[in-house]
Structures are given as C-alpha cells and as structure tokens.
Protein backbone atom coordinates (compact mmCIF):
# COMPACT_ATOMS: atom_id res chain seq x y z
CA MET A 1 -0.04 0.22 0.07
CA ILE A 2 1.29 3.53 -0.75
CA VAL A 3 0.92 6.13 2.06
CA LEU A 4 1.30 9.70 0.66
CA GLU A 5 2.32 11.91 3.32
CA GLY A 6 1.32 15.73 4.40
CA GLU A 7 0.25 18.13 1.76
CA LEU A 8 0.42 15.76 -0.89
CA PHE A 9 -2.18 13.38 0.42
CA LEU A 10 -4.04 16.14 1.52
CA ARG A 11 -3.67 18.15 -2.08
CA ASN A 12 -4.57 14.66 -3.90
CA PHE A 13 -7.28 13.82 -1.21
CA TRP A 14 -9.33 17.14 -2.34
CA ARG A 15 -8.66 17.17 -5.47
CA ASP A 16 -9.68 13.23 -6.50
CA ARG A 17 -12.36 13.13 -3.88
CA LEU A 18 -15.25 10.78 -5.49
CA PHE A 19 -13.66 10.12 -8.51
CA PRO A 20 -13.01 6.64 -10.40
CA LYS A 21 -9.79 5.58 -9.48
CA GLU A 22 -9.22 3.89 -12.58
CA ALA A 23 -6.30 6.10 -14.38
CA LEU A 24 -8.24 7.14 -17.60
CA SER A 25 -11.98 7.53 -16.22
CA LEU A 26 -10.17 9.54 -13.02
CA ASP A 27 -8.03 11.55 -15.46
CA ILE A 28 -11.25 12.87 -17.61
CA ALA A 29 -13.46 13.28 -14.32
CA ARG A 30 -10.47 15.99 -13.24
CA ASN A 31 -10.57 17.42 -16.25
CA LEU A 32 -14.54 17.50 -16.18
CA PHE A 33 -14.82 19.04 -12.96
CA GLU A 34 -12.11 21.62 -13.65
CA THR A 35 -14.68 23.52 -15.72
CA VAL A 36 -17.59 23.38 -13.50
CA LYS A 37 -15.85 23.99 -10.11
CA ASN A 38 -15.85 27.33 -9.95
CA LEU A 39 -19.28 27.81 -11.88
CA PRO A 40 -21.80 30.07 -9.95
CA ILE A 41 -24.19 28.34 -7.43
CA ILE A 42 -27.72 27.70 -8.20
CA SER A 43 -29.62 27.02 -4.82
CA PRO A 44 -33.16 27.20 -6.09
CA HIS A 45 -34.94 25.26 -2.97
CA GLY A 46 -33.75 25.08 0.46
CA HIS A 47 -34.75 26.52 3.96
CA THR A 48 -32.30 29.08 4.87
CA GLU A 49 -33.59 31.89 6.67
CA ALA A 50 -34.03 35.13 4.56
CA LYS A 51 -33.70 36.79 8.02
CA TRP A 52 -29.96 36.16 8.01
CA PHE A 53 -29.26 37.94 4.81
CA ALA A 54 -31.83 40.77 5.98
CA GLU A 55 -30.30 41.96 9.13
CA ASN A 56 -26.67 40.28 8.31
CA ILE A 57 -25.93 39.70 11.96
CA PRO A 58 -23.27 37.11 12.61
CA PHE A 59 -23.73 33.34 13.29
CA GLN A 60 -23.03 32.96 17.09
CA ASN A 61 -20.91 29.97 17.35
CA ALA A 62 -19.78 26.56 15.77
CA THR A 63 -23.14 25.19 17.87
CA ASP A 64 -25.34 27.67 16.16
CA LEU A 65 -24.28 27.29 12.35
CA PHE A 66 -23.51 23.45 12.42
CA ILE A 67 -25.76 21.43 14.59
CA THR A 68 -29.22 23.80 16.04
CA PRO A 69 -30.45 24.14 12.44
CA ASP A 70 -29.11 20.94 10.98
CA HIS A 71 -31.61 17.74 11.20
CA TYR A 72 -29.11 15.68 9.55
CA VAL A 73 -26.74 16.42 12.55
CA TYR A 74 -28.95 15.77 15.60
CA ARG A 75 -31.10 12.92 14.52
CA MET A 76 -27.84 10.79 13.71
CA LEU A 77 -26.88 11.80 17.80
CA PHE A 78 -30.48 11.31 19.10
CA SER A 79 -30.40 7.71 17.27
CA HIS A 80 -27.45 6.70 19.60
CA GLY A 81 -29.73 8.56 22.87
CA ILE A 82 -28.37 11.91 23.28
CA ASP A 83 -31.94 13.93 23.95
CA LEU A 84 -32.73 16.81 22.15
CA ASP A 85 -32.87 18.71 25.23
CA ASP A 86 -28.84 17.95 25.77
CA LEU A 87 -28.84 19.74 22.05
CA GLY A 88 -30.81 22.46 22.92
CA ILE A 89 -33.13 21.61 20.05
CA GLY A 90 -37.16 22.47 19.08
CA ARG A 91 -38.91 23.48 22.21
CA ARG A 92 -40.39 26.83 22.39
CA ALA A 93 -38.00 29.36 23.81
CA GLU A 94 -40.19 29.85 26.93
CA THR A 95 -39.50 26.41 27.78
CA ARG A 96 -36.17 25.15 25.70
CA LYS A 97 -33.73 23.77 28.01
CA SER A 98 -30.64 26.07 28.40
CA VAL A 99 -27.61 24.43 27.20
CA GLU A 100 -23.98 26.17 27.04
CA PRO A 101 -23.24 26.20 22.92
CA ARG A 102 -19.90 24.72 24.02
CA LYS A 103 -21.04 21.84 25.95
CA VAL A 104 -23.48 20.93 23.10
CA TRP A 105 -20.50 21.10 20.64
CA LYS A 106 -18.06 18.66 22.97
CA LEU A 107 -21.17 16.51 23.02
CA PHE A 108 -21.25 16.61 19.07
CA SER A 109 -17.45 16.33 18.76
CA LYS A 110 -17.20 13.24 21.01
CA HIS A 111 -19.67 11.44 19.14
CA TYR A 112 -18.56 12.63 15.28
CA TYR A 113 -17.36 8.72 14.24
CA LEU A 114 -21.08 8.13 14.09
CA PHE A 115 -21.02 10.09 10.93
CA ARG A 116 -17.94 8.23 9.37
CA GLY A 117 -19.29 6.85 5.65
CA THR A 118 -22.02 8.97 5.71
CA PRO A 119 -22.57 12.63 3.27
CA THR A 120 -22.96 14.63 6.43
CA LYS A 121 -19.53 13.99 7.40
CA LEU A 122 -18.69 14.83 3.84
CA TRP A 123 -20.07 18.06 3.60
CA LEU A 124 -18.85 18.79 7.28
CA ASP A 125 -15.23 18.19 6.89
CA TYR A 126 -15.57 20.17 3.14
CA MET A 127 -16.35 23.49 5.55
CA PHE A 128 -14.16 22.62 8.38
CA GLU A 129 -11.11 22.29 5.85
CA ASN A 130 -12.61 25.01 3.10
CA LEU A 131 -14.28 27.28 5.10
CA PHE A 132 -12.30 27.35 8.58
CA GLY A 133 -8.90 26.05 7.48
CA ILE A 134 -8.97 22.84 9.99
CA SER A 135 -7.70 19.84 8.30
CA GLU A 136 -7.77 17.53 11.19
CA THR A 137 -10.56 15.13 11.93
CA LEU A 138 -13.05 16.59 14.62
CA CYS A 139 -12.92 14.09 18.18
CA GLU A 140 -13.46 14.72 21.74
CA LYS A 141 -9.71 15.69 21.88
CA ASN A 142 -9.52 18.82 19.14
CA ALA A 143 -13.28 19.81 20.39
CA ASP A 144 -12.39 23.08 22.20
CA LEU A 145 -9.71 23.81 19.21
CA PHE A 146 -12.55 23.17 16.60
CA TYR A 147 -15.08 25.52 18.72
CA ASP A 148 -12.52 28.28 19.26
CA SER A 149 -11.25 28.66 15.85
CA ILE A 150 -14.71 28.63 14.30
CA SER A 151 -16.42 30.74 16.66
CA ASP A 152 -13.27 33.01 16.22
CA ALA A 153 -13.89 33.32 12.75
CA LEU A 154 -17.55 33.89 12.70
CA GLU A 155 -16.44 37.39 14.48
CA LYS A 156 -15.05 38.67 11.50
CA PRO A 157 -16.58 40.74 8.94
CA GLU A 158 -16.06 37.97 6.21
CA PHE A 159 -17.57 35.74 8.27
CA ARG A 160 -21.09 37.14 8.10
CA PRO A 161 -24.34 35.88 6.18
CA ARG A 162 -23.64 38.24 3.53
CA GLU A 163 -20.10 38.02 2.56
CA LEU A 164 -20.59 34.16 3.23
CA TYR A 165 -23.03 34.44 0.07
CA GLU A 166 -20.25 36.60 -1.74
CA ARG A 167 -17.69 34.15 -0.98
CA PHE A 168 -19.76 31.02 -2.13
CA LYS A 169 -20.68 32.20 -5.40
CA ILE A 170 -24.17 32.09 -5.07
CA GLU A 171 -26.22 33.52 -8.00
CA VAL A 172 -29.55 32.33 -6.58
CA LEU A 173 -30.89 31.33 -3.38
CA CYS A 174 -34.23 30.45 -2.98
CA THR A 175 -35.91 30.04 0.52
CA THR A 176 -39.29 28.47 1.41
CA GLU A 177 -42.03 30.21 3.20
CA THR A 178 -45.79 29.53 3.69
CA PRO A 179 -48.80 32.17 2.08
CA LEU A 180 -49.03 33.81 5.51
CA ASP A 181 -45.66 34.95 5.94
CA ASP A 182 -45.39 38.70 5.14
CA LEU A 183 -41.84 38.73 3.40
CA SER A 184 -40.76 41.38 5.28
CA ASP A 185 -37.29 39.95 5.39
CA HIS A 186 -36.97 39.29 1.58
CA ARG A 187 -38.29 43.07 1.02
CA LYS A 188 -35.37 44.40 3.05
CA ILE A 189 -33.25 42.62 0.98
CA ILE A 190 -34.70 44.09 -1.91
CA ARG A 191 -35.09 47.72 -1.13
CA SER A 192 -30.79 47.43 0.77
CA ASP A 193 -28.33 48.64 -1.43
CA TRP A 194 -26.74 44.73 -1.69
CA ASN A 195 -26.81 43.22 -4.80
CA ALA A 196 -28.14 39.69 -4.17
CA ARG A 197 -31.08 37.67 -5.53
CA ILE A 198 -32.65 35.94 -2.52
CA ILE A 199 -36.49 34.74 -3.30
CA SER A 200 -39.20 32.58 -2.06
CA ALA A 201 -40.91 29.62 -3.01
CA TYR A 202 -44.65 29.05 -1.83
CA ARG A 203 -45.35 26.19 0.26
CA PRO A 204 -49.08 26.14 1.29
CA ASP A 205 -49.00 22.60 3.25
CA ASN A 206 -50.16 24.65 6.38
CA VAL A 207 -53.18 26.08 4.64
CA ILE A 208 -53.75 23.04 2.41
CA ASP A 209 -53.61 19.87 4.36
CA PRO A 210 -56.42 19.61 6.87
CA ASP A 211 -54.41 17.42 8.84
CA HIS A 212 -52.77 20.58 9.80
CA GLU A 213 -53.24 21.15 13.64
CA SER A 214 -54.20 24.76 12.68
CA PHE A 215 -55.67 24.34 9.22
CA SER A 216 -58.76 26.22 10.06
CA LYS A 217 -57.29 28.99 11.85
CA ASN A 218 -54.61 29.45 8.67
CA VAL A 219 -57.53 29.27 6.16
CA GLN A 220 -59.26 32.36 8.12
CA LEU A 221 -55.99 33.88 8.28
CA LEU A 222 -55.46 33.76 4.60
CA GLY A 223 -58.89 35.24 3.83
CA GLU A 224 -58.24 38.00 6.56
CA LEU A 225 -54.67 38.50 4.94
CA THR A 226 -56.26 38.99 1.42
CA GLY A 227 -59.53 39.98 2.01
CA GLU A 228 -60.88 37.37 0.55
CA ASN A 229 -64.12 35.11 1.86
CA THR A 230 -62.48 31.99 2.65
CA ASP A 231 -65.13 30.69 4.06
CA SER A 232 -66.26 29.26 0.80
CA PHE A 233 -64.20 27.13 -1.21
CA GLU A 234 -64.42 29.83 -4.22
CA GLY A 235 -62.96 32.65 -1.94
CA TYR A 236 -60.02 30.30 -0.79
CA LEU A 237 -59.05 29.38 -4.06
CA ALA A 238 -58.94 33.14 -4.90
CA ALA A 239 -56.95 33.84 -1.70
CA HIS A 240 -54.41 31.39 -2.59
CA PHE A 241 -54.22 33.32 -5.97
CA SER A 242 -53.68 36.66 -4.67
CA ARG A 243 -50.90 35.56 -2.17
CA ARG A 244 -49.07 33.56 -4.89
CA LYS A 245 -49.33 36.85 -7.25
CA PHE A 246 -48.01 38.77 -4.10
CA PHE A 247 -44.86 36.06 -4.09
CA LYS A 248 -44.73 36.49 -7.51
CA SER A 249 -44.19 40.16 -7.45
CA LEU A 250 -41.22 39.77 -5.28
CA GLY A 251 -39.36 37.54 -7.17
CA THR A 252 -40.71 34.17 -6.46
CA THR A 253 -40.57 31.57 -9.69
CA SER A 254 -42.01 28.23 -7.95
CA THR A 255 -44.38 26.73 -5.34
CA ASP A 256 -43.61 23.89 -3.13
CA HIS A 257 -45.74 20.75 -1.86
CA GLY A 258 -44.96 18.29 0.57
CA HIS A 259 -47.57 16.02 0.50
CA PRO A 260 -47.71 12.40 2.02
CA SER A 261 -48.79 11.01 -1.19
CA ALA A 262 -48.68 12.08 -4.90
CA ASN A 263 -52.28 10.96 -5.22
CA THR A 264 -54.30 13.49 -6.61
CA PHE A 265 -58.19 13.89 -7.57
CA LYS A 266 -60.51 15.43 -9.62
CA LEU A 267 -63.55 16.54 -7.69
CA SER A 268 -66.70 18.20 -8.59
CA LYS A 269 -67.39 21.78 -7.42
CA GLY A 270 -69.78 20.24 -5.09
CA LYS A 271 -68.10 17.55 -3.96
CA VAL A 272 -64.86 19.25 -3.09
CA GLU A 273 -66.91 22.39 -1.34
CA ALA A 274 -68.50 19.70 1.11
CA ILE A 275 -64.98 18.54 2.09
CA PHE A 276 -63.89 21.98 2.38
CA GLN A 277 -66.73 22.56 4.94
CA LYS A 278 -65.92 19.23 6.54
CA ALA A 279 -62.56 20.06 6.82
CA LEU A 280 -62.91 23.87 8.34
CA LEU A 281 -64.88 21.97 11.08
CA GLY A 282 -62.11 19.85 11.58
CA ASN A 283 -64.63 16.79 10.57
CA LEU A 284 -62.84 14.91 7.80
CA SER A 285 -62.19 11.10 7.82
CA ARG A 286 -58.69 10.44 6.78
CA ASP A 287 -59.43 9.67 3.25
CA GLU A 288 -61.79 12.97 2.40
CA ALA A 289 -58.11 14.63 3.74
CA GLU A 290 -56.35 12.85 1.16
CA MET A 291 -59.11 13.84 -0.95
CA PHE A 292 -59.12 17.52 -0.36
CA ARG A 293 -54.74 17.43 -0.89
CA GLY A 294 -55.02 15.62 -4.09
CA HIS A 295 -57.47 17.94 -5.20
CA MET A 296 -55.81 20.82 -4.32
CA LEU A 297 -52.45 19.60 -6.14
CA ILE A 298 -54.83 20.19 -9.40
CA GLU A 299 -55.78 23.38 -8.62
CA MET A 300 -52.59 24.50 -7.78
CA ALA A 301 -51.04 22.96 -11.09
CA MET A 302 -54.16 25.01 -12.88
CA MET A 303 -52.81 28.19 -11.57
CA SER A 304 -49.63 27.80 -12.23
CA LEU A 305 -50.81 27.71 -16.19
CA GLU A 306 -51.89 31.11 -15.29
CA ASP A 307 -49.15 32.44 -13.14
CA GLY A 308 -46.15 30.74 -14.69
CA LEU A 309 -44.55 29.15 -11.05
CA VAL A 310 -42.77 26.03 -11.25
CA MET A 311 -44.43 23.46 -9.16
CA GLN A 312 -42.40 21.12 -6.98
CA LEU A 313 -44.15 17.89 -5.64
CA HIS A 314 -42.23 16.53 -2.42
CA SER A 315 -43.70 13.09 -2.12
CA GLY A 316 -43.25 10.19 -0.42
CA SER A 317 -42.29 10.85 3.72
CA TYR A 318 -44.11 9.87 6.18
CA ARG A 319 -43.42 13.24 8.30
CA ASP A 320 -43.04 13.49 12.04
CA HIS A 321 -43.00 9.38 12.37
CA SER A 322 -43.02 9.64 16.60
CA PRO A 323 -45.82 11.66 18.02
CA SER A 324 -43.95 12.04 21.43
CA ILE A 325 -41.31 14.28 19.26
CA LYS A 326 -43.88 16.36 17.68
CA GLN A 327 -45.80 16.86 20.41
CA ASN A 328 -42.64 17.82 22.67
CA PHE A 329 -40.65 19.61 20.33
CA GLY A 330 -42.33 20.54 17.14
CA ARG A 331 -42.62 19.60 13.67
CA ASP A 332 -39.57 18.74 11.41
CA LYS A 333 -37.32 17.29 14.07
CA GLY A 334 -35.56 14.54 11.90
CA PHE A 335 -38.39 12.42 12.24
CA ASP A 336 -39.20 12.04 8.42
CA ILE A 337 -39.28 8.46 7.10
CA PRO A 338 -39.36 7.26 3.63
CA LYS A 339 -42.14 5.49 2.47
CA GLN A 340 -43.69 3.35 -0.51
CA LEU A 341 -45.49 5.44 -3.14
CA ASP A 342 -47.13 4.81 -6.64
CA TYR A 343 -46.68 7.98 -9.23
CA VAL A 344 -48.73 6.40 -12.21
CA HIS A 345 -51.97 5.85 -10.67
CA ALA A 346 -51.64 8.73 -8.31
CA LEU A 347 -50.83 11.45 -10.75
CA LYS A 348 -52.99 10.30 -13.75
CA PRO A 349 -55.61 13.03 -12.58
CA LEU A 350 -53.42 15.51 -12.34
CA LEU A 351 -51.78 14.32 -15.98
CA ASP A 352 -54.87 13.88 -17.73
CA ALA A 353 -55.92 17.58 -16.89
CA VAL A 354 -52.48 19.39 -17.15
CA GLY A 355 -49.90 16.87 -17.89
CA LEU A 356 -49.58 18.00 -21.52
CA ASP A 357 -49.71 21.62 -21.30
CA LYS A 358 -46.06 22.81 -21.86
CA ARG A 359 -47.18 25.73 -19.75
CA LEU A 360 -46.76 23.70 -16.55
CA THR A 361 -43.36 22.40 -14.95
CA LEU A 362 -44.44 20.12 -12.38
CA ILE A 363 -40.73 18.61 -10.63
CA LEU A 364 -41.42 15.27 -8.42
CA PHE A 365 -39.19 14.19 -6.10
CA THR A 366 -39.12 11.18 -4.23
CA LEU A 367 -38.30 8.99 -1.39
CA ASP A 368 -38.70 5.72 -2.50
CA GLU A 369 -35.95 5.04 -4.83
CA ALA A 370 -37.80 2.36 -6.93
CA THR A 371 -40.15 4.35 -8.59
CA LEU A 372 -37.24 6.31 -10.18
CA SER A 373 -36.51 3.96 -13.26
CA ARG A 374 -40.25 2.30 -12.88
CA GLU A 375 -42.01 5.29 -12.79
CA LEU A 376 -40.49 8.67 -12.42
CA ALA A 377 -37.81 8.05 -15.55
CA PRO A 378 -41.00 7.13 -17.84
CA LEU A 379 -43.20 9.35 -17.03
CA ALA A 380 -40.80 12.51 -17.49
CA GLY A 381 -39.21 10.58 -20.28
CA VAL A 382 -42.91 11.82 -22.34
CA TYR A 383 -44.98 14.06 -20.62
CA PRO A 384 -43.72 17.48 -21.68
CA SER A 385 -44.42 19.20 -17.76
CA VAL A 386 -42.96 16.67 -15.81
CA LYS A 387 -39.47 16.86 -14.42
CA ILE A 388 -37.38 14.66 -12.20
CA GLY A 389 -35.97 16.55 -9.38
CA PRO A 390 -32.78 15.40 -7.99
CA PRO A 391 -31.72 13.15 -4.83
CA TRP A 392 -34.17 13.90 -2.08
CA TRP A 393 -33.07 13.98 1.89
CA PHE A 394 -32.04 10.39 2.44
CA PHE A 395 -30.43 9.99 -1.18
CA ASP A 396 -28.73 13.31 -1.45
CA SER A 397 -25.92 11.24 -1.10
CA VAL A 398 -22.72 10.03 -3.32
CA GLU A 399 -24.16 6.60 -3.64
CA GLY A 400 -28.03 7.86 -4.07
CA MET A 401 -26.87 10.26 -6.62
CA LEU A 402 -25.25 7.57 -8.51
CA ARG A 403 -27.81 5.30 -8.26
CA PHE A 404 -30.35 8.46 -9.55
CA ARG A 405 -28.14 8.77 -12.74
CA ARG A 406 -28.12 5.08 -13.43
CA SER A 407 -32.11 4.88 -12.60
CA THR A 408 -33.01 7.81 -14.66
CA THR A 409 -30.35 8.86 -17.42
CA GLU A 410 -31.40 5.57 -19.74
CA THR A 411 -34.95 6.62 -20.27
CA ALA A 412 -35.10 10.19 -19.29
CA GLY A 413 -31.94 11.45 -20.26
CA PHE A 414 -30.09 14.17 -18.60
CA TYR A 415 -32.69 17.13 -19.75
CA ASN A 416 -35.41 15.87 -18.21
CA THR A 417 -34.24 16.03 -14.69
CA ALA A 418 -34.55 19.85 -13.08
CA GLY A 419 -30.20 19.94 -12.24
CA PHE A 420 -29.43 20.07 -8.45
CA ASN A 421 -30.79 21.62 -5.45
CA ASP A 422 -29.30 21.18 -1.68
CA ASP A 423 -32.56 21.65 0.06
CA THR A 424 -30.51 22.61 3.28
CA ARG A 425 -31.12 24.34 6.41
CA ALA A 426 -27.17 24.69 7.42
CA PHE A 427 -26.29 27.55 4.88
CA CYS A 428 -22.50 26.59 5.20
CA SER A 429 -23.39 23.26 3.69
CA ILE A 430 -24.70 24.96 0.19
CA PRO A 431 -20.90 25.13 -1.34
CA ALA A 432 -20.32 21.23 -0.08
CA ARG A 433 -23.10 20.08 -1.33
CA HIS A 434 -22.91 21.30 -4.79
CA ASP A 435 -19.53 20.11 -4.80
CA VAL A 436 -20.67 16.87 -4.00
CA ALA A 437 -23.11 16.99 -7.04
CA ARG A 438 -20.51 17.95 -9.36
CA ARG A 439 -18.14 15.85 -8.61
CA ILE A 440 -20.54 12.59 -8.65
CA ASP A 441 -22.11 13.95 -11.99
CA CYS A 442 -18.13 14.79 -13.56
CA ALA A 443 -17.29 10.74 -12.35
CA TYR A 444 -20.47 9.41 -13.96
CA LEU A 445 -20.15 11.08 -17.14
CA SER A 446 -16.54 10.13 -17.11
CA ASP A 447 -17.43 6.57 -17.25
CA LEU A 448 -20.00 7.03 -19.95
CA ILE A 449 -16.88 8.62 -22.14
CA VAL A 450 -14.68 5.98 -21.35
CA SER A 451 -17.26 3.53 -22.44
CA GLY A 452 -18.19 5.05 -25.92
CA GLN A 453 -21.63 6.05 -24.77
CA ILE A 454 -21.31 9.75 -25.15
CA SER A 455 -18.23 11.54 -26.60
CA GLU A 456 -15.78 13.81 -24.41
CA GLU A 457 -17.03 17.12 -26.33
CA GLU A 458 -20.43 15.95 -25.05
CA GLY A 459 -19.14 15.23 -21.65
CA TYR A 460 -17.87 18.50 -21.20
CA SER A 461 -21.71 20.23 -22.44
CA ILE A 462 -23.70 18.20 -20.11
CA ALA A 463 -21.37 18.90 -16.85
CA MET A 464 -22.21 22.52 -17.45
CA ASP A 465 -25.37 21.80 -17.94
CA LEU A 466 -26.23 19.95 -14.98
CA SER A 467 -24.27 21.98 -12.85
CA TYR A 468 -26.01 25.27 -14.01
CA HIS A 469 -27.70 25.74 -17.37
CA ILE A 470 -30.68 22.97 -16.32
CA VAL A 471 -31.40 23.93 -12.93
CA LYS A 472 -31.73 27.80 -14.43
CA ARG A 473 -33.99 26.80 -17.06
CA THR A 474 -36.08 24.69 -15.26
CA TYR A 475 -36.86 26.93 -12.27
CA LYS A 476 -36.91 29.98 -14.37
CA LEU A 477 -34.11 31.63 -12.95
C-alpha cells in the first residue's frame, strides 16, 4: 500500500475525492470537474432563513452554525440516545432547556465518529477544511480547538451571512415560506443596497393540509390577509391566487408541496365544497383529507398555468413519525421516514388534466427510489410538463446520486431532470453539497465517455448543463 504524506495527501484527497480510481476515467473526471467547480451556485430550493441576510448579523458560534439548524446532525445523535434537550433543540424558547453551546459542541465532537461513511461527514469535513482551514478530523480531544477557531472566525466581517453568500459564489438562493408569511425579510433585502437575489418559494401546506393542527385558523388568517372570503371554497382559491401573485411580485418562481403521497383527485365543485366545509370544522375522515389534498394539487397546477410558477412536489415522507417528538419538540425534528409510493396511478388525474400542457413544469421528488426507473423516468420521458427532481434527503448522498443517474438517464436522459438543489437548512453546507453533486456527475460522465456512450465533447457540455444551465432553465431563474 502506498502512503502519501502531509500536504501531498491532502492535495490529492481533495482534488480526487469521489472520482473513479481507474486512470483514464480519473483523468477525464478531473478535467470535467475543472470546467464546473467554480461555476456560480444556483440554489433553487432550500430552507435557509431570509432573516440572516436581511439583518446580516453574525452567526453566534460553531454550535449555532452546524448543529442547531441541521436535522441531519441531530437525528444521528438522537439515534444513539442523546436527548434533543441536551442539544438545545426544538422546544419553544420559553420552555427550551438552557444548554451552553460549547457543551453541545463537545457532545457532538465526542460522537463525530457516528457520521463516518455518511454524506453529512463529507459536507462537514469540507466546511471545516475549506471555510475554516481545519484539516484535522473532529474528535473529543480537539473539540475546543474547532469550537474556538470557528467561533473566532465568525466574529470577523468576512464571515457574516452576506459576505459568505458572496464567497460561496451564490447567484440565486431560494428560501421557503408559507402563504401567511409577509416576506418582510425579502422586502428588506430588495430595499437594501446589497445586490443579491434571494427569493422565496410558495409553500402552502399549512393552509392545504386538513390534518395540520392549525388548518382552520390558518385558512381564516389567509382570508384576512387577502380580503377574500375563505369561508367558501371559491374565496379560498382566490386567496391562494392572491398570495401567489404577491410572492411572484417579490421574485418567486416556484411553489413547493410537501404531501404525504402523490395522490391527485379531480372532484366536482359540489364535492370539494362539501369536503372543504367539513375541513373547516375539523370533521374530515382520513380518506376525505387525502382527497382534499389531492384535489388541491390539481388546483395548484391549474394556477401555475396562469401565473407560470414552477410546481415542486415532495412526496413519500411519513412526516413526524414519532408523535411524542412532534408534541414535545415540534414539527420537522428529523423524524420523517421514507415510504412506498405509486406515482403512475396517483398522478394520473393531474396529468390527464394538465400534463400535456407545455406551460406547466412539475418537478417530482421521491423518497421511494424504486419508483425512479420504474415510474418517474418513464413519466418524465414522455410528459412535457414533468421533470425529475434530484436525490432528496436520505438519497442526497454519493451512492444515492449515482443510483439516481443510473436509474433515470437511460429512459429520461439528462434533460428531463431538474438540476441539483441542496434543500438545506444549514447555510454553510451549500457549497459542500454542490461540490459533491458536481463531482459525482463528473465521475458518472467520465465512465460514459470511457465506455463510448457519449463523446468527450458531449461530456463537457453535459457537465456544464447539470451544474448550472438546467437548473436555471427549469426553475425559470
């Protein structure tokens, strides 16, 4: 075994990370990556906070930057018996257990070995090395070194949110807000003298899902916000269209829908009005709630024909699987679990209604990988409205990305996919995630070139498209 030492090892490690080891494929992957590694980042879907950039207040410390906002991190720690309370996660401010950030960091560092082999460790190691210049592997012994180095750096002006945005070469960053959000932070950014494009996506789940605990209250608030009578289904739809128009006026180009399934239903006016009235009273059965959500997906698609907003559908997650965690710590605390789906039959009512309309762009995401080659690639390979979203959550990983390309390319090609998005709450992981995605695509393309399936010239063109052009075009950015 050949052992490389010191700087030579680190240089080769970062240069060739995730590339093929066969000499010819390796050389091609390197050359492809050189053409895309410094391209601007298009981040068309994610969950960072516009407030960070509106106020440009420094991140406080290493814990607030890397642990508190990132469920990829704390779900792994929780799986090994570390209580969310001990990480200062999730409870309302008035009841949250006070935990000293350094103590949380030490707990994380002691258990950093848990992340070996995961994409989370790839992202974190990339950030430690490339953002903070720390090349050691995090562990209990060097926890203070990491914490102090990172926290000290965060006090410098060049580590404020806006400055990091520029450093990361982000061209567009999309956050995600509900129809009840006034987008005040986005408006503050627009009014500022900072020339950056940070836009929102319209995510109406809390006013579409009758199973949401505040559904009726939220529908009432939606009416008050728009001046529409949301006691009727007609007024409720008008209120949605009004808010979509408002979002679009501030730069929004997409909607996002996080539904438990991909089921769609085309209901009669009388049927949907009756279900809507029952929903306002909280009297829906499980089947009726599913029918309402499914009908609203078609209504949202119909609105997209009018206002041009790209429609994203994230399906296949059993959200908040633990009722105890949801009750005690709130939603979205890492307990979303993939489940089996059927897109072919579920989407047929929507595709029958609008699937052939070229004005619609419907990006489908899945947590059921079996559907990629069997259902999503064939659907995207024929319906002009359908695109396949990149590997999502559990499959936003080295093997997940490779499986995605191998499952979809032969049927749907590269150009019926939607490009990469990072879908992250952890701001500093954005360049790390895009680095991994670009490396994996270059590695995949190098194998196609070596095997004679595409030419080298085509490979360079595809690499550019996958890293930059496709996502801009798909999301109308």
